Amino acid sequence: MLDAVLFDWGDTLMRWAWEPALLAVGHDAGLRAIGREPVPALTERFRDSYLPLLWVPGTLEEIEYPDLVRKLLAEEGLEVSDDELGRFLEAEHAAWQPARMLASTTHALLETLRARGLKVGLVSNALDPPHLLHRDLEQMGVAQRLDVAVFSSEVGWRKPHPAIFERALEALGVDSAATLFVGDTLATDVAGAAALGMHTCLALWFRADEDEEAPEPEFRAFTQMDVMTAVRRLGQKN
């Protein structure tokens, strides 16, 4: 019996295209939002000292990104209030909009799953302030098609840590054994979900992950709608 399907966000429901040039664009937008002039050294310092911290393999505890940005600004002699920090982060986040592109069949897939009586949720590693991430979901028409959305920045732990998965399962009121998790990474999505007893499906429509040390997924989906094959095989809820 299958009661729910959980998805990763970036490179599963949405294509996340990393663009180094947007680092400076985002920082300049943030500074303008608080009435400050561009500081080229800000991006240079972030790229050299802080960007590597965001990609440390095996890191489970989520980085407090607002605190990191406040520290970065202070190192350039820019002390900011809580309100200014919020405006900086919002403008920076908006500047990265070109990097976020919803997959063409995301809405159809989510609607098809819910029409079958399944609960649908999202579990994502994302360090931006939660209210900005949830607003993205609303603006992309995804929030209306989900029963729950959980981001690591609001839990404090990143996948594959069990806490972020458990938050979503608890909110949905479903057992892990009756849940399918769909994600694009083996070491975080597949391994984390499998450790809690969830069924797993590797999403391959945006990228093909390879990791010899990670567990194999039960299913592989080459298009979003291939997820329905896994759903049918597991036995959807009527």
Protein backbone atom coordinates (compact mmCIF):
# COMPACT_ATOMS: atom_id res chain seq x y z
CA MET A 1 0.00 0.00 0.00
CA LEU A 2 1.22 3.47 -0.87
CA ASP A 3 -0.13 6.50 0.99
CA ALA A 4 2.23 9.32 0.08
CA VAL A 5 4.91 10.53 -2.32
CA LEU A 6 7.64 12.93 -1.22
CA PHE A 7 9.87 14.84 -3.62
CA ASP A 8 13.15 16.67 -3.51
CA TRP A 9 12.87 20.22 -4.92
CA GLY A 10 15.96 21.26 -6.88
CA ASP A 11 16.72 19.13 -9.94
CA THR A 12 13.61 17.05 -9.31
CA LEU A 13 10.50 19.25 -9.44
CA MET A 14 12.53 22.31 -10.43
CA ARG A 15 15.71 22.70 -12.43
CA TRP A 16 18.40 24.51 -10.42
CA ALA A 17 21.05 25.94 -12.74
CA TRP A 18 24.09 27.12 -10.77
CA GLU A 19 25.40 30.34 -12.31
CA PRO A 20 28.58 31.82 -10.72
CA ALA A 21 27.90 35.25 -12.23
CA LEU A 22 24.73 35.54 -10.16
CA LEU A 23 26.82 35.70 -6.97
CA ALA A 24 27.81 39.29 -7.74
CA VAL A 25 24.38 40.11 -9.15
CA GLY A 26 22.74 38.90 -5.95
CA HIS A 27 25.14 40.76 -3.69
CA ASP A 28 24.74 44.00 -5.65
CA ALA A 29 20.95 43.66 -5.52
CA GLY A 30 21.09 43.08 -1.77
CA LEU A 31 23.28 46.14 -1.21
CA ARG A 32 21.00 48.33 -3.33
CA ALA A 33 18.02 47.13 -1.30
CA ILE A 34 19.59 48.61 1.85
CA GLY A 35 20.85 51.76 0.18
CA ARG A 36 24.51 50.77 -0.10
CA GLU A 37 26.88 50.97 -3.03
CA PRO A 38 28.28 47.78 -4.65
CA VAL A 39 31.28 46.27 -2.87
CA PRO A 40 33.20 44.01 -5.30
CA ALA A 41 35.31 42.63 -2.45
CA LEU A 42 32.11 41.26 -0.88
CA THR A 43 31.64 38.68 -3.63
CA GLU A 44 35.34 37.89 -3.74
CA ARG A 45 35.40 37.21 0.01
CA PHE A 46 32.24 35.12 -0.20
CA ARG A 47 33.60 33.07 -3.11
CA ASP A 48 36.94 32.43 -1.41
CA SER A 49 35.98 32.02 2.25
CA TYR A 50 32.32 31.12 2.53
CA LEU A 51 31.12 29.46 -0.67
CA PRO A 52 33.20 26.32 0.04
CA LEU A 53 31.35 25.95 3.36
CA LEU A 54 28.07 25.48 1.49
CA TRP A 55 29.36 22.40 -0.35
CA VAL A 56 31.21 20.46 2.34
CA PRO A 57 30.46 16.76 1.67
CA GLY A 58 28.71 14.97 4.50
CA THR A 59 27.58 18.12 6.30
CA LEU A 60 24.26 17.39 8.02
CA GLU A 61 23.67 20.44 10.19
CA GLU A 62 22.26 23.27 8.08
CA ILE A 63 24.23 26.51 7.87
CA GLU A 64 22.54 29.58 9.35
CA TYR A 65 22.75 31.54 6.13
CA PRO A 66 21.42 34.87 7.50
CA ASP A 67 24.12 34.79 10.19
CA LEU A 68 26.75 34.00 7.57
CA VAL A 69 25.65 36.97 5.45
CA ARG A 70 25.62 39.30 8.45
CA LYS A 71 29.19 38.22 9.26
CA LEU A 72 30.25 38.67 5.64
CA LEU A 73 28.85 42.20 5.54
CA ALA A 74 30.47 43.08 8.86
CA GLU A 75 33.85 41.99 7.55
CA GLU A 76 33.44 44.61 4.83
CA GLY A 77 32.55 47.26 7.41
CA LEU A 78 28.80 47.05 6.82
CA GLU A 79 26.83 46.66 10.05
CA VAL A 80 23.16 45.96 9.30
CA SER A 81 19.98 45.89 11.35
CA ASP A 82 17.65 42.87 11.31
CA ASP A 83 15.37 44.73 8.90
CA GLU A 84 18.25 45.57 6.57
CA LEU A 85 19.48 41.99 6.66
CA GLY A 86 16.02 40.79 5.71
CA ARG A 87 15.84 43.17 2.77
CA PHE A 88 19.32 42.16 1.61
CA LEU A 89 18.42 38.46 1.69
CA GLU A 90 15.12 39.01 -0.12
CA ALA A 91 16.76 41.02 -2.91
CA GLU A 92 19.60 38.51 -3.22
CA HIS A 93 17.14 35.64 -3.44
CA ALA A 94 15.12 37.42 -6.12
CA ALA A 95 18.27 38.01 -8.18
CA TRP A 96 18.72 34.24 -8.45
CA GLN A 97 15.31 33.79 -10.08
CA PRO A 98 16.85 32.99 -13.52
CA ALA A 99 18.48 29.93 -11.95
CA ARG A 100 15.12 28.44 -10.96
CA MET A 101 12.98 26.83 -13.66
CA LEU A 102 9.98 24.65 -12.97
CA ALA A 103 9.85 21.40 -14.93
CA SER A 104 7.13 21.43 -17.58
CA THR A 105 5.20 18.46 -16.18
CA THR A 106 5.53 19.23 -12.45
CA HIS A 107 1.98 20.49 -12.03
CA ALA A 108 0.53 17.58 -13.99
CA LEU A 109 2.47 15.02 -11.97
CA LEU A 110 1.46 16.47 -8.61
CA GLU A 111 -2.17 16.75 -9.67
CA THR A 112 -2.21 13.17 -10.95
CA LEU A 113 -0.83 11.86 -7.65
CA ARG A 114 -3.35 13.78 -5.57
CA ALA A 115 -6.19 12.68 -7.85
CA ARG A 116 -5.26 9.11 -6.95
CA GLY A 117 -5.78 9.89 -3.28
CA LEU A 118 -2.11 10.10 -2.38
CA LYS A 119 -0.65 12.72 -0.08
CA VAL A 120 2.14 14.72 -1.69
CA GLY A 121 5.01 16.58 -0.09
CA LEU A 122 8.41 18.15 -0.61
CA VAL A 123 11.62 17.71 1.41
CA SER A 124 14.52 19.88 0.32
CA ASN A 125 18.00 20.95 1.35
CA ALA A 126 17.88 24.73 0.97
CA LEU A 127 19.62 27.31 3.15
CA ASP A 128 17.64 30.43 2.19
CA PRO A 129 15.12 31.82 4.72
CA PRO A 130 12.07 29.52 4.76
CA HIS A 131 9.53 32.26 4.01
CA LEU A 132 11.32 33.04 0.73
CA LEU A 133 11.38 29.38 -0.25
CA HIS A 134 7.71 28.87 0.54
CA ARG A 135 6.91 31.99 -1.46
CA ASP A 136 8.76 30.46 -4.43
CA LEU A 137 6.47 27.45 -4.18
CA GLU A 138 3.40 29.68 -4.17
CA GLN A 139 4.57 31.78 -7.11
CA MET A 140 5.37 28.66 -9.14
CA GLY A 141 1.97 27.15 -8.40
CA VAL A 142 3.52 24.24 -6.50
CA ALA A 143 2.39 25.04 -2.95
CA GLN A 144 -1.24 24.64 -3.97
CA ARG A 145 -0.49 21.13 -5.19
CA LEU A 146 1.36 19.94 -2.06
CA ASP A 147 0.17 18.81 1.35
CA VAL A 148 3.44 19.75 3.05
CA ALA A 149 6.80 21.33 2.21
CA VAL A 150 9.82 21.06 4.51
CA PHE A 151 13.15 22.84 3.99
CA SER A 152 16.39 22.17 5.83
CA SER A 153 16.66 25.84 6.81
CA GLU A 154 13.56 25.48 8.98
CA VAL A 155 14.53 22.12 10.47
CA GLY A 156 18.23 22.77 11.03
CA TRP A 157 19.28 19.46 9.47
CA ARG A 158 20.04 18.48 5.91
CA LYS A 159 19.25 15.27 4.12
CA PRO A 160 20.23 12.50 4.66
CA HIS A 161 19.67 13.33 8.36
CA PRO A 162 16.43 11.62 9.43
CA ALA A 163 14.96 14.71 11.12
CA ILE A 164 14.00 16.46 7.90
CA PHE A 165 12.28 13.38 6.48
CA GLU A 166 10.55 12.68 9.79
CA ARG A 167 9.17 16.23 9.90
CA ALA A 168 7.38 15.65 6.60
CA LEU A 169 6.14 12.17 7.49
CA GLU A 170 4.73 13.45 10.77
CA ALA A 171 3.01 16.38 9.08
CA LEU A 172 1.39 14.03 6.56
CA GLY A 173 0.50 11.43 9.19
CA VAL A 174 1.90 8.56 7.14
CA ASP A 175 4.27 5.69 7.80
CA SER A 176 7.63 5.62 6.09
CA ALA A 177 6.92 2.13 4.72
CA ALA A 178 3.91 3.52 2.85
CA THR A 179 5.83 6.44 1.34
CA LEU A 180 7.79 6.81 -1.89
CA PHE A 181 10.63 9.35 -1.97
CA VAL A 182 11.70 10.78 -5.32
CA GLY A 183 15.02 12.62 -5.52
CA ASP A 184 18.01 13.20 -7.77
CA THR A 185 20.88 12.22 -5.43
CA LEU A 186 21.84 8.78 -4.21
CA ALA A 187 23.79 9.75 -1.08
CA THR A 188 21.25 12.22 0.27
CA ASP A 189 17.82 11.44 -1.17
CA VAL A 190 17.96 7.70 -1.74
CA ALA A 191 20.18 6.84 1.21
CA GLY A 192 18.34 9.08 3.65
CA ALA A 193 14.89 7.90 2.67
CA ALA A 194 15.87 4.23 2.52
CA ALA A 195 17.37 4.42 6.02
CA LEU A 196 13.92 5.28 7.34
CA GLY A 197 12.25 2.46 5.42
CA MET A 198 10.80 4.52 2.57
CA HIS A 199 10.56 3.30 -1.00
CA THR A 200 12.93 5.22 -3.28
CA CYS A 201 13.00 6.47 -6.84
CA LEU A 202 15.99 8.19 -8.47
CA ALA A 203 15.01 11.14 -10.68
CA LEU A 204 17.07 11.19 -13.86
CA TRP A 205 15.33 13.80 -16.02
CA PHE A 206 17.69 16.66 -15.12
CA ARG A 207 20.86 14.89 -14.04
CA ALA A 208 22.28 11.36 -13.66
CA ASP A 209 23.86 10.84 -10.25
CA GLU A 210 26.48 8.16 -9.68
CA ASP A 211 27.80 7.03 -6.31
CA GLU A 212 29.20 3.54 -5.84
CA GLU A 213 29.01 3.84 -2.07
CA ALA A 214 25.34 4.83 -1.94
CA PRO A 215 22.45 2.35 -1.93
CA GLU A 216 20.64 1.55 -5.15
CA PRO A 217 17.13 2.99 -5.57
CA GLU A 218 14.16 0.69 -6.00
CA PHE A 219 13.08 2.60 -9.09
CA ARG A 220 14.62 4.92 -11.67
CA ALA A 221 12.58 7.53 -13.52
CA PHE A 222 13.84 9.09 -16.76
CA THR A 223 10.91 11.52 -16.99
CA GLN A 224 8.70 13.00 -14.31
CA MET A 225 5.72 10.97 -15.44
CA ASP A 226 7.79 7.77 -15.10
CA VAL A 227 7.21 8.24 -11.36
CA MET A 228 3.71 6.95 -12.00
CA THR A 229 5.19 3.57 -12.95
CA ALA A 230 6.69 3.28 -9.47
CA VAL A 231 3.40 4.40 -7.93
CA ARG A 232 1.43 1.78 -9.83
CA ARG A 233 3.88 -0.97 -8.95
CA LEU A 234 3.75 -0.11 -5.27
CA GLY A 235 -0.02 -0.01 -5.30
CA GLN A 236 -1.66 3.37 -5.07
CA LYS A 237 -4.31 4.26 -2.54
CA ASN A 238 -7.77 4.28 -4.02
